[in-house]
């Protein structure tokens, strides 16, 4: 039997074994930066108490110095960045593969415009950043008072 020259030996085998290009990697920037556990990076639990909120943020593998907290216009932004130490040398031989990456991530929470940075508590321990944020409402305006005209 004659086959077209663009196909190898069997037209149907070639059609069934076609591999279509995968475009999933275009959307996996975090996965390339943080490995197979990228979907679990910076997981957050928020608990409401009578006086405020307790926020627990998982930041495994980060040091306290690599984490930043900024408060601006009522938004608390938690950022974490990791850089590679390119100058690390040892006597174990040539590095063939390295699976540690550099990158940064951040997440913002609206805490209200009347909360100040002095009122927010932060503690980092065992890869978990624990924040305490008070509940604060806008100051109440004085009640309407009528002025008598003479």
Protein backbone atom coordinates (compact mmCIF):
# COMPACT_ATOMS: atom_id res chain seq x y z
CA UNK A 1 0.00 0.00 0.00
CA UNK A 2 1.26 3.48 -0.81
CA UNK A 3 1.40 6.16 1.89
CA UNK A 4 1.94 9.85 1.43
CA UNK A 5 5.57 10.81 2.02
CA UNK A 6 4.69 13.20 4.87
CA UNK A 7 3.49 10.25 6.98
CA UNK A 8 5.83 7.59 8.29
CA UNK A 9 4.49 4.09 7.89
CA UNK A 10 0.87 4.20 8.89
CA UNK A 11 -1.37 7.19 8.45
CA UNK A 12 -3.72 6.21 11.29
CA UNK A 13 -0.95 5.57 13.83
CA UNK A 14 0.52 8.98 13.14
CA UNK A 15 -2.86 10.67 13.53
CA UNK A 16 -3.53 8.95 16.84
CA UNK A 17 -0.12 9.84 18.27
CA UNK A 18 -0.20 13.53 17.54
CA UNK A 19 0.90 15.65 20.46
CA UNK A 20 -0.79 18.97 20.66
CA UNK A 21 1.13 21.89 22.16
CA UNK A 22 0.39 22.61 25.80
CA UNK A 23 -0.25 26.22 26.67
CA UNK A 24 -0.63 25.55 30.38
CA UNK A 25 2.88 26.76 31.14
CA UNK A 26 2.02 30.27 29.97
CA UNK A 27 -0.29 30.63 32.94
CA UNK A 28 2.01 29.02 35.52
CA UNK A 29 4.42 31.82 36.37
CA UNK A 30 4.03 31.19 40.11
CA UNK A 31 4.58 27.48 39.59
CA UNK A 32 7.89 28.19 37.87
CA UNK A 33 8.95 30.49 40.71
CA UNK A 34 7.82 28.40 43.67
CA UNK A 35 7.66 24.82 42.36
CA UNK A 36 4.83 22.32 42.50
CA UNK A 37 3.37 23.82 45.70
CA UNK A 38 2.78 27.26 44.15
CA UNK A 39 -0.97 26.97 44.62
CA UNK A 40 -0.45 26.80 48.38
CA UNK A 41 1.83 29.83 48.66
CA UNK A 42 0.66 32.56 51.04
CA UNK A 43 -2.45 30.75 52.25
CA UNK A 44 -4.33 32.91 54.71
CA UNK A 45 -6.73 32.27 57.59
CA UNK A 46 -8.73 35.17 59.03
CA UNK A 47 -10.45 34.83 62.41
CA UNK A 48 -12.82 37.46 63.76
CA UNK A 49 -12.79 38.23 67.48
CA UNK A 50 -14.78 40.73 69.52
CA UNK A 51 -12.02 43.32 69.36
CA UNK A 52 -10.53 42.69 65.92
CA UNK A 53 -9.16 40.15 63.50
CA UNK A 54 -6.38 37.58 63.69
CA UNK A 55 -4.73 36.85 60.36
CA UNK A 56 -2.42 33.84 59.88
CA UNK A 57 -0.42 33.78 56.64
CA UNK A 58 1.69 30.77 55.67
CA UNK A 59 5.10 31.82 54.36
CA UNK A 60 7.17 28.63 54.40
CA UNK A 61 10.83 28.99 53.52
CA UNK A 62 10.97 32.74 54.12
CA UNK A 63 12.96 34.56 56.77
CA UNK A 64 11.67 37.48 58.81
CA UNK A 65 13.99 39.84 56.92
CA UNK A 66 12.41 38.85 53.59
CA UNK A 67 8.88 39.90 54.63
CA UNK A 68 7.50 43.43 54.46
CA UNK A 69 4.28 44.98 55.80
CA UNK A 70 2.96 48.27 54.43
CA UNK A 71 -0.16 50.22 55.36
CA UNK A 72 -1.47 52.75 52.87
CA UNK A 73 -4.97 54.18 52.32
CA UNK A 74 -6.56 51.52 54.51
CA UNK A 75 -4.87 48.59 52.74
CA UNK A 76 -2.39 46.36 54.53
CA UNK A 77 0.01 44.83 52.00
CA UNK A 78 2.06 41.78 52.95
CA UNK A 79 5.03 41.18 50.67
CA UNK A 80 7.66 38.46 50.60
CA UNK A 81 10.67 38.28 48.32
CA UNK A 82 13.39 35.70 47.97
CA UNK A 83 16.65 36.10 46.09
CA UNK A 84 19.20 33.52 45.06
CA UNK A 85 22.70 33.72 46.43
CA UNK A 86 24.66 33.39 43.20
CA UNK A 87 28.04 33.50 44.91
CA UNK A 88 27.56 30.34 46.99
CA UNK A 89 30.48 28.01 46.24
CA UNK A 90 31.43 24.69 47.75
CA UNK A 91 33.79 21.78 47.20
CA UNK A 92 31.12 19.25 46.24
CA UNK A 93 31.55 19.71 42.51
CA UNK A 94 29.79 21.45 39.68
CA UNK A 95 26.11 22.33 40.13
CA UNK A 96 24.06 20.45 37.55
CA UNK A 97 20.51 21.44 38.52
CA UNK A 98 19.19 24.04 40.94
CA UNK A 99 15.53 24.13 41.96
CA UNK A 100 15.59 27.26 44.05
CA UNK A 101 14.28 30.39 42.44
CA UNK A 102 14.08 34.05 43.20
CA UNK A 103 10.91 36.05 43.07
CA UNK A 104 8.43 38.04 45.05
CA UNK A 105 4.75 37.94 45.93
CA UNK A 106 2.34 40.16 47.76
CA UNK A 107 -1.20 40.20 48.99
CA UNK A 108 -3.36 43.12 50.20
CA UNK A 109 -6.14 43.28 52.76
CA UNK A 110 -8.50 46.17 53.41
CA UNK A 111 -8.31 46.95 57.14
CA UNK A 112 -10.02 50.36 57.15
CA UNK A 113 -8.82 53.90 56.85
CA UNK A 114 -8.83 54.57 60.58
CA UNK A 115 -6.40 51.79 61.57
CA UNK A 116 -2.83 52.99 62.10
CA UNK A 117 0.41 51.02 61.82
CA UNK A 118 0.94 51.25 65.59
CA UNK A 119 -2.30 49.34 66.23
CA UNK A 120 -1.38 46.35 64.03
CA UNK A 121 0.63 43.60 65.71
CA UNK A 122 2.86 41.23 63.73
CA UNK A 123 4.76 38.11 64.78
CA UNK A 124 6.62 35.64 62.53
CA UNK A 125 7.25 32.18 63.88
CA UNK A 126 7.73 28.74 62.27
CA UNK A 127 6.88 29.99 58.77
CA UNK A 128 3.59 31.62 59.85
CA UNK A 129 3.06 35.38 59.97
CA UNK A 130 0.43 36.20 62.60
CA UNK A 131 -1.18 39.65 62.43
CA UNK A 132 -3.63 41.21 64.87
CA UNK A 133 -5.75 43.98 63.40
CA UNK A 134 -8.21 45.92 65.57
CA UNK A 135 -11.78 46.64 64.52
CA UNK A 136 -12.09 50.34 64.12
CA UNK A 137 -15.00 52.28 62.74
CA UNK A 138 -15.15 55.83 61.50
CA UNK A 139 -15.59 58.35 64.27
CA UNK A 140 -19.22 59.29 64.75
CA UNK A 141 -20.22 62.75 63.72
CA UNK A 142 -21.89 64.86 66.37
CA UNK A 143 -25.66 64.76 66.35
CA UNK A 144 -27.44 67.42 64.42
CA UNK A 145 -28.20 70.41 66.59
CA UNK A 146 -30.58 73.13 65.63
CA UNK A 147 -29.48 76.69 66.09
CA UNK A 148 -32.19 79.11 66.99
CA UNK A 149 -32.32 82.27 64.96
CA UNK A 150 -33.15 85.51 66.80
